[in-house]
Amino acid sequence: MTRADLLERVTGFLFEEAAMLDRRDWDSWGALFDPEGTYWLPARADQSDSLEEVSLIYDTALLRRIRLERLKNDDASSLAPGVRSVHHVGNIRLGPVDPGSEDVIVRSCLMVGQWTPSAQTTFHARVTHVLSFDGARLLIRRKRVDLLGAEGPLGDILTIL
């Protein structure tokens, strides 16, 4: 696969991931992850350790499953009558490809508009995906979402970024 073909494939993957999140298709989004995959929102821009420092979110497979079940639960009062979102992914760039590795590093910019009956919030972030191939299928090994201004006051994050 050429680098241009890989970029096209990865771009389609990121766009479909965003569409799943906007449709609130939590099961399909969860299935995008490698069984050992992680979803991480660091608490500060230069944070390098997800386990020894406090994070806004650090989900392993188990914690991700719990989060997704909560999002699917209509009894979650903080999410009633339903949060809506629009994810916009842009500036997609392939990182260096290590010939000895099957991982694909992808960097992008993300804007998420989140709506609830009481507020509309916009989040801006730089995102790093580490993707791997499982046969012909791409899987997320790591997703790191670096929120702009993570150290300051944030609105409630009621959806997956």
N, C-alpha and C. Protein backbone atom coordinates (compact mmCIF):
# COMPACT_ATOMS: atom_id res chain seq x y z
N MET A 1 0.85 -1.17 0.00
CA MET A 1 0.00 0.00 0.00
C MET A 1 0.90 1.24 0.00
N THR A 2 0.61 2.17 -0.91
CA THR A 2 1.39 3.40 -0.95
C THR A 2 1.00 4.30 0.22
N ARG A 3 1.84 5.28 0.48
CA ARG A 3 1.55 6.24 1.56
C ARG A 3 0.25 7.00 1.27
N ALA A 4 0.03 7.35 0.01
CA ALA A 4 -1.20 8.05 -0.37
C ALA A 4 -2.42 7.15 -0.15
N ASP A 5 -2.32 5.88 -0.50
CA ASP A 5 -3.42 4.94 -0.27
C ASP A 5 -3.69 4.78 1.23
N LEU A 6 -2.61 4.70 2.02
CA LEU A 6 -2.75 4.57 3.46
C LEU A 6 -3.43 5.81 4.04
N LEU A 7 -3.03 6.99 3.59
CA LEU A 7 -3.65 8.23 4.07
C LEU A 7 -5.15 8.24 3.73
N GLU A 8 -5.52 7.82 2.53
CA GLU A 8 -6.93 7.78 2.15
C GLU A 8 -7.70 6.79 3.02
N ARG A 9 -7.11 5.65 3.28
CA ARG A 9 -7.75 4.63 4.13
C ARG A 9 -7.95 5.13 5.55
N VAL A 10 -6.91 5.74 6.10
CA VAL A 10 -6.96 6.26 7.47
C VAL A 10 -7.96 7.42 7.57
N THR A 11 -7.98 8.29 6.58
CA THR A 11 -8.92 9.41 6.57
C THR A 11 -10.36 8.89 6.60
N GLY A 12 -10.66 7.90 5.79
CA GLY A 12 -11.98 7.30 5.79
C GLY A 12 -12.32 6.69 7.15
N PHE A 13 -11.33 6.06 7.77
CA PHE A 13 -11.51 5.46 9.10
C PHE A 13 -11.87 6.53 10.12
N LEU A 14 -11.12 7.65 10.14
CA LEU A 14 -11.39 8.72 11.11
C LEU A 14 -12.74 9.37 10.86
N PHE A 15 -13.11 9.56 9.60
CA PHE A 15 -14.42 10.14 9.29
C PHE A 15 -15.54 9.20 9.74
N GLU A 16 -15.37 7.90 9.54
CA GLU A 16 -16.40 6.95 9.97
C GLU A 16 -16.48 6.90 11.49
N GLU A 17 -15.33 6.97 12.17
CA GLU A 17 -15.34 7.01 13.64
C GLU A 17 -16.16 8.22 14.11
N ALA A 18 -15.93 9.39 13.51
CA ALA A 18 -16.67 10.60 13.89
C ALA A 18 -18.17 10.42 13.64
N ALA A 19 -18.52 9.80 12.52
CA ALA A 19 -19.94 9.58 12.20
C ALA A 19 -20.59 8.64 13.22
N MET A 20 -19.86 7.62 13.65
CA MET A 20 -20.39 6.70 14.67
C MET A 20 -20.67 7.45 15.96
N LEU A 21 -19.76 8.33 16.35
CA LEU A 21 -19.94 9.09 17.59
C LEU A 21 -21.13 10.05 17.47
N ASP A 22 -21.29 10.67 16.32
CA ASP A 22 -22.42 11.58 16.14
C ASP A 22 -23.75 10.83 16.11
N ARG A 23 -23.74 9.59 15.62
CA ARG A 23 -24.97 8.76 15.63
C ARG A 23 -25.20 8.12 16.99
N ARG A 24 -24.23 8.28 17.88
CA ARG A 24 -24.27 7.63 19.20
C ARG A 24 -24.31 6.11 19.06
N ASP A 25 -23.57 5.62 18.08
CA ASP A 25 -23.47 4.19 17.82
C ASP A 25 -22.31 3.65 18.66
N TRP A 26 -22.57 3.57 19.96
CA TRP A 26 -21.52 3.24 20.93
C TRP A 26 -20.93 1.85 20.71
N ASP A 27 -21.75 0.88 20.35
CA ASP A 27 -21.24 -0.48 20.15
C ASP A 27 -20.26 -0.53 18.98
N SER A 28 -20.61 0.12 17.87
CA SER A 28 -19.71 0.13 16.71
C SER A 28 -18.42 0.87 17.04
N TRP A 29 -18.53 1.98 17.79
CA TRP A 29 -17.31 2.71 18.15
C TRP A 29 -16.42 1.85 19.05
N GLY A 30 -17.01 1.18 20.02
CA GLY A 30 -16.22 0.31 20.90
C GLY A 30 -15.54 -0.81 20.13
N ALA A 31 -16.18 -1.28 19.07
CA ALA A 31 -15.61 -2.37 18.27
C ALA A 31 -14.43 -1.91 17.42
N LEU A 32 -14.20 -0.60 17.32
CA LEU A 32 -13.05 -0.11 16.57
C LEU A 32 -11.73 -0.33 17.31
N PHE A 33 -11.80 -0.66 18.60
CA PHE A 33 -10.60 -0.76 19.42
C PHE A 33 -10.00 -2.16 19.41
N ASP A 34 -8.70 -2.20 19.41
CA ASP A 34 -7.95 -3.42 19.69
C ASP A 34 -8.34 -3.85 21.12
N PRO A 35 -8.36 -5.15 21.41
CA PRO A 35 -8.74 -5.58 22.77
C PRO A 35 -7.93 -4.91 23.89
N GLU A 36 -6.71 -4.52 23.60
CA GLU A 36 -5.87 -3.86 24.60
C GLU A 36 -5.83 -2.34 24.40
N GLY A 37 -6.69 -1.83 23.54
CA GLY A 37 -6.66 -0.42 23.18
C GLY A 37 -7.06 0.49 24.32
N THR A 38 -6.55 1.73 24.28
CA THR A 38 -6.84 2.72 25.31
C THR A 38 -7.36 4.01 24.68
N TYR A 39 -8.16 4.72 25.46
CA TYR A 39 -8.72 6.02 25.10
C TYR A 39 -8.31 6.98 26.22
N TRP A 40 -7.56 8.05 25.87
CA TRP A 40 -6.94 8.88 26.89
C TRP A 40 -7.15 10.36 26.61
N LEU A 41 -7.61 11.09 27.62
CA LEU A 41 -7.65 12.54 27.61
C LEU A 41 -6.76 13.02 28.75
N PRO A 42 -5.54 13.44 28.43
CA PRO A 42 -4.64 13.94 29.48
C PRO A 42 -5.20 15.21 30.13
N ALA A 43 -4.77 15.46 31.36
CA ALA A 43 -5.23 16.63 32.10
C ALA A 43 -4.39 17.88 31.80
N ARG A 44 -3.30 17.69 31.08
CA ARG A 44 -2.49 18.85 30.68
C ARG A 44 -1.78 18.54 29.36
N ALA A 45 -1.40 19.58 28.66
CA ALA A 45 -0.89 19.44 27.29
C ALA A 45 0.38 18.60 27.20
N ASP A 46 1.28 18.74 28.14
CA ASP A 46 2.56 18.04 28.02
C ASP A 46 2.61 16.76 28.86
N GLN A 47 1.48 16.25 29.26
CA GLN A 47 1.44 15.05 30.10
C GLN A 47 1.98 13.87 29.31
N SER A 48 2.91 13.15 29.93
CA SER A 48 3.53 12.02 29.24
C SER A 48 3.17 10.67 29.86
N ASP A 49 2.57 10.68 31.02
CA ASP A 49 2.28 9.42 31.71
C ASP A 49 0.80 9.35 32.04
N SER A 50 0.14 8.32 31.54
CA SER A 50 -1.30 8.19 31.76
C SER A 50 -1.64 7.47 33.06
N LEU A 51 -0.68 6.82 33.66
CA LEU A 51 -0.95 6.03 34.85
C LEU A 51 -0.44 6.67 36.14
N GLU A 52 0.63 7.41 36.08
CA GLU A 52 1.21 8.02 37.28
C GLU A 52 0.71 9.43 37.53
N GLU A 53 -0.05 9.99 36.59
CA GLU A 53 -0.60 11.33 36.74
C GLU A 53 -2.11 11.27 36.54
N VAL A 54 -2.81 12.22 37.11
CA VAL A 54 -4.26 12.30 36.96
C VAL A 54 -4.57 12.65 35.51
N SER A 55 -5.56 11.97 34.95
CA SER A 55 -6.04 12.23 33.59
C SER A 55 -7.51 12.60 33.65
N LEU A 56 -7.99 13.32 32.65
CA LEU A 56 -9.41 13.58 32.56
C LEU A 56 -10.16 12.27 32.30
N ILE A 57 -9.62 11.47 31.39
CA ILE A 57 -10.15 10.14 31.09
C ILE A 57 -8.98 9.24 30.73
N TYR A 58 -8.98 8.04 31.26
CA TYR A 58 -8.04 7.01 30.80
C TYR A 58 -8.80 5.69 30.83
N ASP A 59 -9.27 5.28 29.66
CA ASP A 59 -10.10 4.09 29.56
C ASP A 59 -9.34 2.93 28.93
N THR A 60 -9.25 1.86 29.69
CA THR A 60 -8.83 0.57 29.16
C THR A 60 -10.09 -0.09 28.59
N ALA A 61 -9.98 -1.31 28.11
CA ALA A 61 -11.14 -2.00 27.54
C ALA A 61 -12.30 -2.07 28.54
N LEU A 62 -12.02 -2.43 29.78
CA LEU A 62 -13.07 -2.55 30.79
C LEU A 62 -13.72 -1.19 31.08
N LEU A 63 -12.92 -0.17 31.30
CA LEU A 63 -13.47 1.15 31.60
C LEU A 63 -14.22 1.73 30.41
N ARG A 64 -13.74 1.44 29.20
CA ARG A 64 -14.44 1.90 28.00
C ARG A 64 -15.82 1.24 27.91
N ARG A 65 -15.88 -0.06 28.20
CA ARG A 65 -17.17 -0.77 28.19
C ARG A 65 -18.14 -0.17 29.20
N ILE A 66 -17.64 0.13 30.40
CA ILE A 66 -18.48 0.75 31.44
C ILE A 66 -18.98 2.12 30.97
N ARG A 67 -18.09 2.93 30.39
CA ARG A 67 -18.47 4.26 29.90
C ARG A 67 -19.55 4.13 28.81
N LEU A 68 -19.37 3.19 27.89
CA LEU A 68 -20.33 3.04 26.79
C LEU A 68 -21.68 2.55 27.30
N GLU A 69 -21.68 1.66 28.29
CA GLU A 69 -22.95 1.20 28.85
C GLU A 69 -23.68 2.36 29.53
N ARG A 70 -22.94 3.23 30.19
CA ARG A 70 -23.56 4.39 30.83
C ARG A 70 -24.15 5.32 29.77
N LEU A 71 -23.45 5.51 28.68
CA LEU A 71 -23.96 6.39 27.61
C LEU A 71 -25.22 5.81 26.97
N LYS A 72 -25.34 4.49 26.95
CA LYS A 72 -26.52 3.84 26.36
C LYS A 72 -27.70 3.81 27.33
N ASN A 73 -27.47 4.08 28.60
CA ASN A 73 -28.50 3.97 29.63
C ASN A 73 -29.37 5.22 29.65
N ASP A 74 -30.65 5.05 29.35
CA ASP A 74 -31.57 6.19 29.35
C ASP A 74 -31.83 6.76 30.75
N ASP A 75 -31.44 6.02 31.78
CA ASP A 75 -31.66 6.48 33.15
C ASP A 75 -30.58 7.44 33.65
N ALA A 76 -29.54 7.65 32.86
CA ALA A 76 -28.48 8.56 33.28
C ALA A 76 -29.01 9.99 33.21
N SER A 77 -29.34 10.56 34.36
CA SER A 77 -30.02 11.86 34.38
C SER A 77 -29.18 12.97 33.75
N SER A 78 -27.87 12.88 33.84
CA SER A 78 -27.03 13.94 33.27
C SER A 78 -27.07 13.91 31.74
N LEU A 79 -27.51 12.78 31.16
CA LEU A 79 -27.54 12.68 29.71
C LEU A 79 -28.95 12.80 29.13
N ALA A 80 -29.96 12.90 29.99
CA ALA A 80 -31.34 12.99 29.51
C ALA A 80 -31.63 14.44 29.14
N PRO A 81 -32.36 14.73 28.13
CA PRO A 81 -33.03 13.84 27.19
C PRO A 81 -32.14 13.41 26.03
N GLY A 82 -30.88 13.53 26.17
CA GLY A 82 -29.98 13.06 25.13
C GLY A 82 -29.05 14.16 24.68
N VAL A 83 -27.81 13.82 24.63
CA VAL A 83 -26.78 14.75 24.16
C VAL A 83 -26.61 14.52 22.67
N ARG A 84 -26.44 15.60 21.94
CA ARG A 84 -26.14 15.50 20.51
C ARG A 84 -24.77 16.10 20.28
N SER A 85 -24.11 15.60 19.24
CA SER A 85 -22.77 16.12 18.96
C SER A 85 -22.52 16.15 17.46
N VAL A 86 -21.59 17.00 17.10
CA VAL A 86 -21.06 17.05 15.74
C VAL A 86 -19.54 17.03 15.87
N HIS A 87 -18.92 16.01 15.30
CA HIS A 87 -17.46 15.87 15.30
C HIS A 87 -16.93 16.32 13.94
N HIS A 88 -15.95 17.19 13.96
CA HIS A 88 -15.30 17.63 12.72
C HIS A 88 -13.81 17.28 12.82
N VAL A 89 -13.35 16.42 11.93
CA VAL A 89 -11.96 15.97 11.92
C VAL A 89 -11.26 16.61 10.73
N GLY A 90 -10.08 17.17 10.96
CA GLY A 90 -9.32 17.79 9.88
C GLY A 90 -7.83 17.71 10.12
N ASN A 91 -7.08 18.25 9.18
CA ASN A 91 -5.61 18.30 9.25
C ASN A 91 -5.02 16.91 9.53
N ILE A 92 -5.50 15.90 8.84
CA ILE A 92 -5.07 14.52 9.07
C ILE A 92 -3.69 14.33 8.45
N ARG A 93 -2.76 13.84 9.27
CA ARG A 93 -1.39 13.62 8.83
C ARG A 93 -0.90 12.27 9.32
N LEU A 94 -0.21 11.56 8.46
CA LEU A 94 0.43 10.32 8.87
C LEU A 94 1.74 10.64 9.55
N GLY A 95 2.00 9.97 10.65
CA GLY A 95 3.29 10.10 11.31
C GLY A 95 4.30 9.24 10.58
N PRO A 96 5.52 9.24 11.07
CA PRO A 96 6.52 8.37 10.45
C PRO A 96 6.09 6.91 10.57
N VAL A 97 6.31 6.16 9.52
CA VAL A 97 5.97 4.74 9.51
C VAL A 97 7.24 3.96 9.77
N ASP A 98 7.26 3.20 10.84
CA ASP A 98 8.39 2.36 11.20
C ASP A 98 8.26 1.06 10.41
N PRO A 99 9.21 0.77 9.53
CA PRO A 99 9.10 -0.45 8.71
C PRO A 99 9.01 -1.72 9.56
N GLY A 100 9.53 -1.71 10.78
CA GLY A 100 9.49 -2.89 11.63
C GLY A 100 8.23 -3.01 12.46
N SER A 101 7.34 -2.01 12.36
CA SER A 101 6.14 -2.00 13.18
C SER A 101 4.90 -2.07 12.29
N GLU A 102 3.84 -2.62 12.84
CA GLU A 102 2.57 -2.65 12.12
C GLU A 102 1.68 -1.48 12.52
N ASP A 103 2.16 -0.63 13.44
CA ASP A 103 1.38 0.50 13.90
C ASP A 103 1.43 1.65 12.89
N VAL A 104 0.32 2.34 12.76
CA VAL A 104 0.22 3.54 11.94
C VAL A 104 -0.12 4.68 12.89
N ILE A 105 0.72 5.70 12.93
CA ILE A 105 0.48 6.86 13.79
C ILE A 105 -0.18 7.93 12.95
N VAL A 106 -1.30 8.44 13.45
CA VAL A 106 -2.08 9.44 12.71
C VAL A 106 -2.35 10.61 13.65
N ARG A 107 -2.07 11.81 13.18
CA ARG A 107 -2.37 13.01 13.95
C ARG A 107 -3.44 13.80 13.22
N SER A 108 -4.34 14.39 14.00
CA SER A 108 -5.42 15.18 13.39
C SER A 108 -5.85 16.27 14.37
N CYS A 109 -6.68 17.16 13.87
CA CYS A 109 -7.31 18.18 14.72
C CYS A 109 -8.79 17.84 14.79
N LEU A 110 -9.39 18.14 15.94
CA LEU A 110 -10.77 17.78 16.20
C LEU A 110 -11.51 18.95 16.80
N MET A 111 -12.71 19.20 16.29
CA MET A 111 -13.65 20.13 16.91
C MET A 111 -14.93 19.34 17.15
N VAL A 112 -15.45 19.43 18.37
CA VAL A 112 -16.69 18.74 18.70
C VAL A 112 -17.66 19.77 19.26
N GLY A 113 -18.79 19.89 18.61
CA GLY A 113 -19.88 20.68 19.15
C GLY A 113 -20.79 19.72 19.92
N GLN A 114 -21.06 20.05 21.16
CA GLN A 114 -21.90 19.20 22.01
C GLN A 114 -23.12 20.02 22.44
N TRP A 115 -24.32 19.46 22.25
CA TRP A 115 -25.55 20.14 22.60
C TRP A 115 -26.29 19.38 23.68
N THR A 116 -26.77 20.11 24.67
CA THR A 116 -27.73 19.61 25.65
C THR A 116 -28.83 20.67 25.75
N PRO A 117 -29.97 20.36 26.35
CA PRO A 117 -31.01 21.38 26.48
C PRO A 117 -30.55 22.62 27.24
N SER A 118 -29.54 22.49 28.07
CA SER A 118 -29.12 23.63 28.89
C SER A 118 -27.86 24.34 28.39
N ALA A 119 -27.14 23.74 27.46
CA ALA A 119 -25.89 24.38 27.02
C ALA A 119 -25.41 23.80 25.70
N GLN A 120 -24.67 24.63 25.01
CA GLN A 120 -23.95 24.16 23.83
C GLN A 120 -22.48 24.46 24.08
N THR A 121 -21.64 23.45 23.91
CA THR A 121 -20.22 23.57 24.22
C THR A 121 -19.41 23.12 23.01
N THR A 122 -18.28 23.75 22.81
CA THR A 122 -17.37 23.34 21.74
C THR A 122 -16.03 22.96 22.35
N PHE A 123 -15.52 21.82 21.94
CA PHE A 123 -14.22 21.35 22.37
C PHE A 123 -13.28 21.34 21.16
N HIS A 124 -12.04 21.75 21.39
CA HIS A 124 -11.02 21.73 20.35
C HIS A 124 -9.88 20.85 20.86
N ALA A 125 -9.32 20.04 19.97
CA ALA A 125 -8.26 19.13 20.43
C ALA A 125 -7.34 18.73 19.29
N ARG A 126 -6.16 18.30 19.69
CA ARG A 126 -5.24 17.59 18.80
C ARG A 126 -5.34 16.13 19.20
N VAL A 127 -5.46 15.27 18.20
CA VAL A 127 -5.69 13.85 18.47
C VAL A 127 -4.57 13.04 17.83
N THR A 128 -4.09 12.06 18.58
CA THR A 128 -3.14 11.08 18.04
C THR A 128 -3.78 9.71 18.15
N HIS A 129 -3.94 9.07 17.01
CA HIS A 129 -4.39 7.69 16.95
C HIS A 129 -3.18 6.81 16.65
N VAL A 130 -3.06 5.72 17.35
CA VAL A 130 -2.13 4.66 16.96
C VAL A 130 -3.02 3.52 16.49
N LEU A 131 -2.95 3.25 15.19
CA LEU A 131 -3.80 2.25 14.57
C LEU A 131 -2.97 1.04 14.18
N SER A 132 -3.61 -0.11 14.11
CA SER A 132 -2.94 -1.31 13.62
C SER A 132 -3.92 -2.04 12.71
N PHE A 133 -3.37 -2.87 11.86
CA PHE A 133 -4.20 -3.68 10.96
C PHE A 133 -4.44 -5.03 11.59
N ASP A 134 -5.68 -5.46 11.53
CA ASP A 134 -6.08 -6.82 11.89
C ASP A 134 -6.62 -7.41 10.60
N GLY A 135 -5.73 -8.03 9.84
CA GLY A 135 -6.07 -8.40 8.48
C GLY A 135 -6.24 -7.13 7.67
N ALA A 136 -7.40 -6.96 7.06
CA ALA A 136 -7.67 -5.76 6.27
C ALA A 136 -8.30 -4.65 7.11
N ARG A 137 -8.66 -4.96 8.35
CA ARG A 137 -9.39 -4.03 9.22
C ARG A 137 -8.44 -3.21 10.08
N LEU A 138 -8.71 -1.90 10.18
CA LEU A 138 -7.95 -1.03 11.08
C LEU A 138 -8.57 -1.08 12.47
N LEU A 139 -7.72 -1.08 13.49
CA LEU A 139 -8.15 -1.03 14.89
C LEU A 139 -7.39 0.06 15.62
N ILE A 140 -8.03 0.64 16.63
CA ILE A 140 -7.39 1.66 17.46
C ILE A 140 -6.64 0.97 18.59
N ARG A 141 -5.33 1.17 18.62
CA ARG A 141 -4.52 0.67 19.75
C ARG A 141 -4.46 1.71 20.85
N ARG A 142 -4.35 2.99 20.44
CA ARG A 142 -4.35 4.09 21.39
C ARG A 142 -4.99 5.30 20.72
N LYS A 143 -5.82 5.99 21.50
CA LYS A 143 -6.37 7.27 21.05
C LYS A 143 -6.12 8.27 22.16
N ARG A 144 -5.33 9.28 21.84
CA ARG A 144 -5.01 10.34 22.79
C ARG A 144 -5.62 11.63 22.28
N VAL A 145 -6.45 12.26 23.12
CA VAL A 145 -7.13 13.50 22.76
C VAL A 145 -6.59 14.59 23.67
N ASP A 146 -5.78 15.48 23.11
CA ASP A 146 -5.20 16.59 23.86
C ASP A 146 -6.10 17.81 23.69
N LEU A 147 -6.94 18.05 24.69
CA LEU A 147 -7.86 19.19 24.65
C LEU A 147 -7.12 20.50 24.76
N LEU A 148 -7.49 21.44 23.93
CA LEU A 148 -6.96 22.79 24.03
C LEU A 148 -7.46 23.36 25.36
N GLY A 149 -6.56 23.77 26.20
CA GLY A 149 -6.95 24.33 27.49
C GLY A 149 -7.41 23.31 28.50
N ALA A 150 -6.91 22.09 28.42
CA ALA A 150 -7.32 21.04 29.36
C ALA A 150 -7.05 21.43 30.81
N GLU A 151 -6.07 22.29 31.03
CA GLU A 151 -5.71 22.69 32.39
C GLU A 151 -6.69 23.70 32.98
N GLY A 152 -7.51 24.30 32.15
CA GLY A 152 -8.43 25.34 32.62
C GLY A 152 -9.84 24.81 32.78
N PRO A 153 -10.77 25.71 32.98
CA PRO A 153 -12.17 25.28 33.14
C PRO A 153 -12.69 24.70 31.83
N LEU A 154 -13.36 23.58 31.94
CA LEU A 154 -13.96 22.91 30.79
C LEU A 154 -15.45 22.73 31.05
N GLY A 155 -16.22 22.72 30.00
CA GLY A 155 -17.62 22.34 30.15
C GLY A 155 -17.69 20.83 30.38
N ASP A 156 -18.87 20.35 30.74
CA ASP A 156 -19.05 18.91 30.94
C ASP A 156 -18.84 18.17 29.63
N ILE A 157 -18.03 17.14 29.68
CA ILE A 157 -17.82 16.30 28.50
C ILE A 157 -18.81 15.14 28.63
N LEU A 158 -19.88 15.21 27.84
CA LEU A 158 -20.96 14.25 27.96
C LEU A 158 -21.04 13.30 26.77
N THR A 159 -20.04 13.35 25.93
CA THR A 159 -19.96 12.45 24.78
C THR A 159 -18.51 12.01 24.65
N ILE A 160 -18.26 11.11 23.71
CA ILE A 160 -16.90 10.68 23.43
C ILE A 160 -16.30 11.69 22.47
N LEU A 161 -15.10 12.14 22.74
CA LEU A 161 -14.41 13.08 21.85
C LEU A 161 -13.54 12.34 20.86
